[in-house]
């Protein structure tokens, strides 16, 4: 889980494309990303979409509870 609620995402579109490309070559895993605002959510959703089809899955959420459920561990919240 990546908790970005206390920060801002400073990634460009090129950064997101590069991260997605790297993610597609990584071992299978899941990454839940929690954001606090619309702008960061949009950037992270772009990563989620661009990395789709790879072995590393991304899910973008607004709450820790939602992220934990998606990760399959509702108790982690």
N, C-alpha and C. Protein backbone atom coordinates (compact mmCIF):
# COMPACT_ATOMS: atom_id res chain seq x y z
N UNK A 1 0.84 -1.17 0.00
CA UNK A 1 0.00 0.00 0.00
C UNK A 1 0.90 1.24 0.00
N UNK A 2 0.50 2.21 -0.84
CA UNK A 2 1.20 3.48 -0.92
C UNK A 2 0.21 4.55 -0.48
N UNK A 3 0.49 5.17 0.65
CA UNK A 3 -0.40 6.19 1.21
C UNK A 3 0.12 7.57 0.83
N UNK A 4 -0.57 8.23 -0.10
CA UNK A 4 -0.16 9.55 -0.58
C UNK A 4 -1.05 10.66 -0.05
N UNK A 5 -1.84 10.37 0.99
CA UNK A 5 -2.80 11.36 1.48
C UNK A 5 -2.15 12.61 2.05
N UNK A 6 -0.94 12.53 2.54
CA UNK A 6 -0.30 13.67 3.19
C UNK A 6 0.69 14.38 2.26
N UNK A 7 0.62 14.08 0.97
CA UNK A 7 1.57 14.67 0.04
C UNK A 7 0.88 14.97 -1.29
N UNK A 8 1.62 15.55 -2.20
CA UNK A 8 1.13 15.80 -3.56
C UNK A 8 1.96 14.99 -4.53
N UNK A 9 1.34 14.54 -5.58
CA UNK A 9 2.02 13.78 -6.62
C UNK A 9 2.57 14.77 -7.64
N UNK A 10 3.86 14.70 -7.88
CA UNK A 10 4.50 15.61 -8.84
C UNK A 10 5.05 14.82 -10.01
N UNK A 11 4.17 14.09 -10.69
CA UNK A 11 4.57 13.29 -11.83
C UNK A 11 4.01 13.88 -13.11
N UNK A 12 4.82 13.87 -14.15
CA UNK A 12 4.35 14.30 -15.46
C UNK A 12 3.75 13.10 -16.17
N UNK A 13 3.11 13.34 -17.28
CA UNK A 13 2.58 12.24 -18.09
C UNK A 13 3.71 11.31 -18.52
N UNK A 14 4.85 11.88 -18.88
CA UNK A 14 6.01 11.05 -19.27
C UNK A 14 6.48 10.19 -18.11
N UNK A 15 6.48 10.74 -16.90
CA UNK A 15 6.85 9.96 -15.71
C UNK A 15 5.92 8.76 -15.53
N UNK A 16 4.63 9.01 -15.69
CA UNK A 16 3.64 7.94 -15.51
C UNK A 16 3.83 6.86 -16.55
N UNK A 17 4.06 7.24 -17.80
CA UNK A 17 4.29 6.26 -18.87
C UNK A 17 5.52 5.42 -18.57
N UNK A 18 6.59 6.06 -18.10
CA UNK A 18 7.81 5.33 -17.76
C UNK A 18 7.57 4.37 -16.59
N UNK A 19 6.89 4.84 -15.55
CA UNK A 19 6.59 3.97 -14.40
C UNK A 19 5.73 2.78 -14.81
N UNK A 20 4.76 3.01 -15.66
CA UNK A 20 3.89 1.93 -16.13
C UNK A 20 4.69 0.91 -16.94
N UNK A 21 5.61 1.38 -17.75
CA UNK A 21 6.45 0.48 -18.54
C UNK A 21 7.30 -0.40 -17.63
N UNK A 22 7.89 0.20 -16.61
CA UNK A 22 8.69 -0.56 -15.65
C UNK A 22 7.81 -1.54 -14.89
N UNK A 23 6.62 -1.11 -14.49
CA UNK A 23 5.71 -1.98 -13.72
C UNK A 23 5.34 -3.23 -14.50
N UNK A 24 5.22 -3.12 -15.81
CA UNK A 24 4.84 -4.28 -16.63
C UNK A 24 5.92 -5.35 -16.64
N UNK A 25 7.13 -5.01 -16.26
CA UNK A 25 8.23 -5.97 -16.26
C UNK A 25 8.56 -6.50 -14.86
N UNK A 26 7.78 -6.12 -13.87
CA UNK A 26 8.02 -6.51 -12.49
C UNK A 26 7.33 -7.83 -12.16
N UNK A 27 7.77 -8.51 -11.10
CA UNK A 27 7.10 -9.74 -10.68
C UNK A 27 5.65 -9.45 -10.30
N UNK A 28 4.80 -10.46 -10.33
CA UNK A 28 3.39 -10.28 -9.99
C UNK A 28 3.23 -9.71 -8.58
N UNK A 29 2.40 -8.70 -8.47
CA UNK A 29 2.10 -8.10 -7.17
C UNK A 29 0.95 -7.13 -7.33
N UNK A 30 0.45 -6.64 -6.22
CA UNK A 30 -0.62 -5.66 -6.21
C UNK A 30 -0.16 -4.44 -5.43
N UNK A 31 -0.49 -3.26 -5.92
CA UNK A 31 -0.17 -2.01 -5.23
C UNK A 31 -1.45 -1.20 -5.08
N UNK A 32 -1.84 -0.96 -3.87
CA UNK A 32 -2.99 -0.09 -3.60
C UNK A 32 -2.44 1.29 -3.31
N UNK A 33 -2.96 2.29 -4.02
CA UNK A 33 -2.52 3.67 -3.86
C UNK A 33 -3.68 4.47 -3.30
N UNK A 34 -3.45 5.16 -2.19
CA UNK A 34 -4.49 5.95 -1.54
C UNK A 34 -4.13 7.43 -1.71
N UNK A 35 -5.06 8.20 -2.29
CA UNK A 35 -4.83 9.62 -2.53
C UNK A 35 -5.91 10.44 -1.84
N UNK A 36 -5.60 11.71 -1.63
CA UNK A 36 -6.53 12.57 -0.90
C UNK A 36 -7.26 13.57 -1.77
N UNK A 37 -6.77 13.82 -2.99
CA UNK A 37 -7.42 14.86 -3.79
C UNK A 37 -7.63 14.41 -5.23
N UNK A 38 -8.45 15.15 -5.95
CA UNK A 38 -8.83 14.78 -7.31
C UNK A 38 -7.64 14.76 -8.27
N UNK A 39 -6.75 15.73 -8.16
CA UNK A 39 -5.61 15.80 -9.08
C UNK A 39 -4.70 14.59 -8.93
N UNK A 40 -4.35 14.25 -7.69
CA UNK A 40 -3.49 13.09 -7.46
C UNK A 40 -4.20 11.80 -7.86
N UNK A 41 -5.48 11.73 -7.59
CA UNK A 41 -6.24 10.55 -7.97
C UNK A 41 -6.20 10.38 -9.50
N UNK A 42 -6.33 11.47 -10.23
CA UNK A 42 -6.27 11.41 -11.69
C UNK A 42 -4.94 10.91 -12.20
N UNK A 43 -3.85 11.41 -11.64
CA UNK A 43 -2.51 10.97 -12.06
C UNK A 43 -2.32 9.49 -11.75
N UNK A 44 -2.72 9.08 -10.57
CA UNK A 44 -2.53 7.68 -10.18
C UNK A 44 -3.46 6.75 -10.97
N UNK A 45 -4.65 7.24 -11.31
CA UNK A 45 -5.55 6.44 -12.16
C UNK A 45 -4.95 6.26 -13.55
N UNK A 46 -4.23 7.27 -14.04
CA UNK A 46 -3.54 7.14 -15.31
C UNK A 46 -2.49 6.03 -15.22
N UNK A 47 -1.76 5.97 -14.11
CA UNK A 47 -0.79 4.90 -13.90
C UNK A 47 -1.50 3.55 -13.88
N UNK A 48 -2.60 3.48 -13.17
CA UNK A 48 -3.37 2.23 -13.10
C UNK A 48 -3.75 1.75 -14.50
N UNK A 49 -4.22 2.65 -15.33
CA UNK A 49 -4.64 2.29 -16.69
C UNK A 49 -3.45 1.94 -17.58
N UNK A 50 -2.40 2.73 -17.54
CA UNK A 50 -1.23 2.50 -18.39
C UNK A 50 -0.51 1.21 -18.03
N UNK A 51 -0.53 0.83 -16.75
CA UNK A 51 0.15 -0.39 -16.30
C UNK A 51 -0.73 -1.63 -16.50
N UNK A 52 -1.96 -1.43 -16.88
CA UNK A 52 -2.88 -2.55 -17.08
C UNK A 52 -2.33 -3.56 -18.07
N UNK A 53 -2.57 -4.81 -17.79
CA UNK A 53 -2.07 -5.87 -18.64
C UNK A 53 -0.74 -6.42 -18.18
N UNK A 54 -0.10 -5.73 -17.26
CA UNK A 54 1.16 -6.22 -16.70
C UNK A 54 0.89 -7.11 -15.50
N UNK A 55 1.96 -7.65 -14.95
CA UNK A 55 1.82 -8.53 -13.79
C UNK A 55 1.64 -7.78 -12.49
N UNK A 56 2.04 -6.50 -12.46
CA UNK A 56 1.85 -5.69 -11.26
C UNK A 56 0.56 -4.91 -11.42
N UNK A 57 -0.38 -5.17 -10.54
CA UNK A 57 -1.65 -4.48 -10.59
C UNK A 57 -1.68 -3.27 -9.68
N UNK A 58 -2.34 -2.23 -10.12
CA UNK A 58 -2.51 -1.03 -9.32
C UNK A 58 -4.00 -0.76 -9.12
N UNK A 59 -4.35 -0.34 -7.93
CA UNK A 59 -5.69 0.11 -7.63
C UNK A 59 -5.58 1.45 -6.91
N UNK A 60 -6.43 2.39 -7.29
CA UNK A 60 -6.37 3.73 -6.70
C UNK A 60 -7.62 3.95 -5.87
N UNK A 61 -7.43 4.42 -4.65
CA UNK A 61 -8.53 4.55 -3.69
C UNK A 61 -8.45 5.86 -2.94
N UNK A 62 -9.54 6.22 -2.32
CA UNK A 62 -9.61 7.43 -1.50
C UNK A 62 -9.50 7.13 -0.01
N UNK A 63 -9.70 5.87 0.38
CA UNK A 63 -9.61 5.52 1.80
C UNK A 63 -8.73 4.28 2.00
N UNK A 64 -8.13 4.22 3.17
CA UNK A 64 -7.33 3.05 3.54
C UNK A 64 -8.21 1.81 3.57
N UNK A 65 -9.43 1.95 4.08
CA UNK A 65 -10.34 0.81 4.17
C UNK A 65 -10.60 0.19 2.80
N UNK A 66 -10.88 1.03 1.79
CA UNK A 66 -11.12 0.52 0.43
C UNK A 66 -9.88 -0.19 -0.12
N UNK A 67 -8.73 0.40 0.13
CA UNK A 67 -7.47 -0.20 -0.36
C UNK A 67 -7.23 -1.55 0.30
N UNK A 68 -7.49 -1.64 1.60
CA UNK A 68 -7.28 -2.92 2.31
C UNK A 68 -8.20 -4.01 1.77
N UNK A 69 -9.44 -3.66 1.52
CA UNK A 69 -10.39 -4.64 0.98
C UNK A 69 -9.91 -5.11 -0.39
N UNK A 70 -9.49 -4.18 -1.24
CA UNK A 70 -9.00 -4.54 -2.58
C UNK A 70 -7.78 -5.46 -2.49
N UNK A 71 -6.92 -5.21 -1.51
CA UNK A 71 -5.73 -6.04 -1.32
C UNK A 71 -6.07 -7.39 -0.72
N UNK A 72 -7.31 -7.56 -0.31
CA UNK A 72 -7.73 -8.84 0.28
C UNK A 72 -7.46 -8.96 1.75
N UNK A 73 -7.27 -7.83 2.42
CA UNK A 73 -6.98 -7.83 3.85
C UNK A 73 -7.78 -6.72 4.53
N UNK A 74 -9.05 -6.96 4.71
CA UNK A 74 -9.93 -5.95 5.31
C UNK A 74 -9.49 -5.57 6.71
N UNK A 75 -8.72 -6.42 7.38
CA UNK A 75 -8.28 -6.14 8.75
C UNK A 75 -7.13 -5.14 8.79
N UNK A 76 -6.48 -4.85 7.67
CA UNK A 76 -5.30 -3.97 7.72
C UNK A 76 -5.66 -2.53 8.02
N UNK A 77 -6.89 -2.15 7.81
CA UNK A 77 -7.30 -0.78 8.07
C UNK A 77 -7.28 -0.53 9.56
